[in-house]
Amino acid sequence: MVDDEGLPQIRRCICTRCGECVTICPQGALEMAEDGPEVAYPDLCGGCALCEELCPEEAIDCDFAIVW
């Protein structure tokens, strides 16, 4: 089981379900569900934050910790 901490958080209340985040994900971690995008394969998420950068509604937050 994968912990949700560090994964993209999708705020469905402002998501328009355009699907751009699903399309841009280079690892294939996101998938479009009936109620919008979700991190369907959390173990594949590499933390690139492209989904957050591309989202036109700013509905995705990627709070990744930088570890030195």
N, C-alpha and C. Protein backbone atom coordinates (compact mmCIF):
# COMPACT_ATOMS: atom_id res chain seq x y z
N MET A 1 0.84 -1.18 0.00
CA MET A 1 0.00 0.00 0.00
C MET A 1 0.88 1.24 0.00
N VAL A 2 0.53 2.23 -0.83
CA VAL A 2 1.32 3.44 -0.95
C VAL A 2 0.67 4.56 -0.15
N ASP A 3 1.47 5.31 0.60
CA ASP A 3 1.00 6.45 1.38
C ASP A 3 0.66 7.60 0.43
N ASP A 4 -0.44 8.31 0.68
CA ASP A 4 -0.86 9.43 -0.17
C ASP A 4 0.03 10.66 -0.02
N GLU A 5 0.83 10.72 1.03
CA GLU A 5 1.69 11.86 1.25
C GLU A 5 2.72 11.97 0.13
N GLY A 6 2.81 13.14 -0.45
CA GLY A 6 3.75 13.36 -1.54
C GLY A 6 3.16 13.14 -2.92
N LEU A 7 1.93 12.65 -2.98
CA LEU A 7 1.27 12.45 -4.27
C LEU A 7 0.49 13.72 -4.64
N PRO A 8 0.25 13.93 -5.92
CA PRO A 8 -0.56 15.07 -6.33
C PRO A 8 -1.94 15.01 -5.68
N GLN A 9 -2.37 16.14 -5.15
CA GLN A 9 -3.70 16.24 -4.55
C GLN A 9 -4.60 17.00 -5.52
N ILE A 10 -5.68 16.40 -5.93
CA ILE A 10 -6.58 16.98 -6.91
C ILE A 10 -7.81 17.52 -6.19
N ARG A 11 -8.02 18.82 -6.32
CA ARG A 11 -9.20 19.46 -5.70
C ARG A 11 -10.36 19.37 -6.70
N ARG A 12 -11.16 18.37 -6.51
CA ARG A 12 -12.26 18.09 -7.44
C ARG A 12 -13.29 19.22 -7.49
N CYS A 13 -13.38 20.02 -6.45
CA CYS A 13 -14.37 21.09 -6.42
C CYS A 13 -14.09 22.18 -7.47
N ILE A 14 -12.84 22.29 -7.93
CA ILE A 14 -12.53 23.28 -8.98
C ILE A 14 -12.03 22.65 -10.27
N CYS A 15 -11.87 21.35 -10.27
CA CYS A 15 -11.42 20.62 -11.46
C CYS A 15 -12.54 20.62 -12.51
N THR A 16 -12.19 20.95 -13.75
CA THR A 16 -13.17 20.96 -14.84
C THR A 16 -13.16 19.66 -15.64
N ARG A 17 -12.33 18.71 -15.23
CA ARG A 17 -12.22 17.40 -15.87
C ARG A 17 -11.79 17.48 -17.33
N CYS A 18 -10.88 18.40 -17.61
CA CYS A 18 -10.39 18.57 -18.99
C CYS A 18 -9.51 17.40 -19.43
N GLY A 19 -8.86 16.74 -18.46
CA GLY A 19 -8.04 15.57 -18.77
C GLY A 19 -6.61 15.88 -19.17
N GLU A 20 -6.22 17.15 -19.15
CA GLU A 20 -4.85 17.51 -19.56
C GLU A 20 -3.81 16.89 -18.63
N CYS A 21 -4.10 16.78 -17.36
CA CYS A 21 -3.16 16.20 -16.41
C CYS A 21 -2.91 14.72 -16.73
N VAL A 22 -3.98 14.02 -17.10
CA VAL A 22 -3.87 12.61 -17.45
C VAL A 22 -3.01 12.45 -18.70
N THR A 23 -3.22 13.33 -19.66
CA THR A 23 -2.49 13.27 -20.92
C THR A 23 -1.01 13.57 -20.75
N ILE A 24 -0.67 14.52 -19.89
CA ILE A 24 0.73 14.98 -19.75
C ILE A 24 1.56 14.07 -18.83
N CYS A 25 0.94 13.27 -18.00
CA CYS A 25 1.69 12.47 -17.02
C CYS A 25 2.62 11.48 -17.74
N PRO A 26 3.94 11.69 -17.65
CA PRO A 26 4.88 10.83 -18.38
C PRO A 26 4.97 9.41 -17.81
N GLN A 27 4.56 9.24 -16.57
CA GLN A 27 4.65 7.93 -15.93
C GLN A 27 3.36 7.13 -16.02
N GLY A 28 2.27 7.78 -16.44
CA GLY A 28 0.98 7.09 -16.52
C GLY A 28 0.35 6.84 -15.17
N ALA A 29 0.66 7.68 -14.19
CA ALA A 29 0.14 7.49 -12.84
C ALA A 29 -1.30 7.98 -12.70
N LEU A 30 -1.69 8.94 -13.54
CA LEU A 30 -3.04 9.50 -13.46
C LEU A 30 -3.97 8.81 -14.44
N GLU A 31 -5.24 8.78 -14.04
CA GLU A 31 -6.25 8.15 -14.88
C GLU A 31 -7.56 8.93 -14.69
N MET A 32 -8.35 9.03 -15.75
CA MET A 32 -9.63 9.73 -15.65
C MET A 32 -10.68 8.76 -15.13
N ALA A 33 -11.23 9.10 -13.98
CA ALA A 33 -12.30 8.31 -13.38
C ALA A 33 -13.64 8.99 -13.69
N GLU A 34 -14.70 8.40 -13.28
CA GLU A 34 -16.03 8.96 -13.55
C GLU A 34 -16.20 10.35 -12.96
N ASP A 35 -15.62 10.59 -11.79
CA ASP A 35 -15.76 11.90 -11.14
C ASP A 35 -14.54 12.80 -11.32
N GLY A 36 -13.65 12.46 -12.25
CA GLY A 36 -12.49 13.30 -12.55
C GLY A 36 -11.19 12.53 -12.44
N PRO A 37 -10.07 13.23 -12.63
CA PRO A 37 -8.78 12.56 -12.59
C PRO A 37 -8.43 12.08 -11.19
N GLU A 38 -7.66 11.00 -11.16
CA GLU A 38 -7.19 10.47 -9.88
C GLU A 38 -5.82 9.84 -10.08
N VAL A 39 -5.10 9.73 -8.98
CA VAL A 39 -3.81 9.06 -9.01
C VAL A 39 -4.10 7.57 -8.89
N ALA A 40 -4.30 6.94 -10.02
CA ALA A 40 -4.69 5.53 -10.06
C ALA A 40 -3.53 4.59 -9.77
N TYR A 41 -2.32 5.02 -10.11
CA TYR A 41 -1.13 4.19 -9.92
C TYR A 41 -0.09 4.99 -9.14
N PRO A 42 -0.30 5.15 -7.84
CA PRO A 42 0.59 5.99 -7.03
C PRO A 42 2.05 5.56 -7.04
N ASP A 43 2.29 4.27 -7.18
CA ASP A 43 3.67 3.78 -7.19
C ASP A 43 4.42 4.20 -8.45
N LEU A 44 3.70 4.64 -9.49
CA LEU A 44 4.34 5.11 -10.72
C LEU A 44 4.66 6.60 -10.70
N CYS A 45 4.04 7.35 -9.80
CA CYS A 45 4.24 8.80 -9.74
C CYS A 45 5.69 9.12 -9.39
N GLY A 46 6.34 9.87 -10.29
CA GLY A 46 7.74 10.22 -10.08
C GLY A 46 7.94 11.58 -9.47
N GLY A 47 6.85 12.31 -9.20
CA GLY A 47 6.96 13.61 -8.56
C GLY A 47 7.42 14.73 -9.47
N CYS A 48 7.18 14.61 -10.77
CA CYS A 48 7.65 15.64 -11.71
C CYS A 48 6.83 16.92 -11.65
N ALA A 49 5.60 16.85 -11.16
CA ALA A 49 4.69 17.99 -11.00
C ALA A 49 4.23 18.61 -12.32
N LEU A 50 4.37 17.90 -13.42
CA LEU A 50 3.86 18.42 -14.70
C LEU A 50 2.35 18.59 -14.64
N CYS A 51 1.66 17.72 -13.96
CA CYS A 51 0.21 17.84 -13.84
C CYS A 51 -0.18 19.14 -13.15
N GLU A 52 0.56 19.51 -12.12
CA GLU A 52 0.29 20.76 -11.40
C GLU A 52 0.57 21.96 -12.29
N GLU A 53 1.67 21.93 -13.00
CA GLU A 53 2.05 23.04 -13.88
C GLU A 53 1.06 23.24 -15.02
N LEU A 54 0.54 22.16 -15.57
CA LEU A 54 -0.32 22.22 -16.74
C LEU A 54 -1.78 22.53 -16.41
N CYS A 55 -2.23 22.22 -15.24
CA CYS A 55 -3.65 22.37 -14.89
C CYS A 55 -4.11 23.82 -15.05
N PRO A 56 -5.06 24.07 -15.98
CA PRO A 56 -5.52 25.43 -16.22
C PRO A 56 -6.34 26.01 -15.07
N GLU A 57 -6.87 25.16 -14.22
CA GLU A 57 -7.69 25.61 -13.10
C GLU A 57 -6.92 25.66 -11.78
N GLU A 58 -5.63 25.27 -11.82
CA GLU A 58 -4.80 25.19 -10.61
C GLU A 58 -5.47 24.31 -9.55
N ALA A 59 -6.02 23.20 -10.02
CA ALA A 59 -6.74 22.27 -9.15
C ALA A 59 -5.85 21.16 -8.59
N ILE A 60 -4.56 21.17 -8.94
CA ILE A 60 -3.65 20.12 -8.48
C ILE A 60 -2.51 20.73 -7.67
N ASP A 61 -2.28 20.17 -6.53
CA ASP A 61 -1.17 20.60 -5.66
C ASP A 61 -0.21 19.43 -5.49
N CYS A 62 1.04 19.69 -5.78
CA CYS A 62 2.09 18.69 -5.58
C CYS A 62 3.03 19.22 -4.50
N ASP A 63 2.85 18.74 -3.30
CA ASP A 63 3.67 19.17 -2.17
C ASP A 63 4.74 18.15 -1.89
N PHE A 64 5.78 18.20 -2.70
CA PHE A 64 6.88 17.26 -2.55
C PHE A 64 7.96 17.89 -1.67
N ALA A 65 8.50 17.10 -0.79
CA ALA A 65 9.57 17.56 0.08
C ALA A 65 10.91 17.37 -0.59
N ILE A 66 11.76 18.37 -0.48
CA ILE A 66 13.12 18.27 -0.99
C ILE A 66 14.01 17.77 0.13
N VAL A 67 14.65 16.66 -0.11
CA VAL A 67 15.51 16.05 0.91
C VAL A 67 16.95 16.18 0.45
N TRP A 68 17.78 16.74 1.31
CA TRP A 68 19.20 16.95 0.98
C TRP A 68 20.01 15.79 1.47
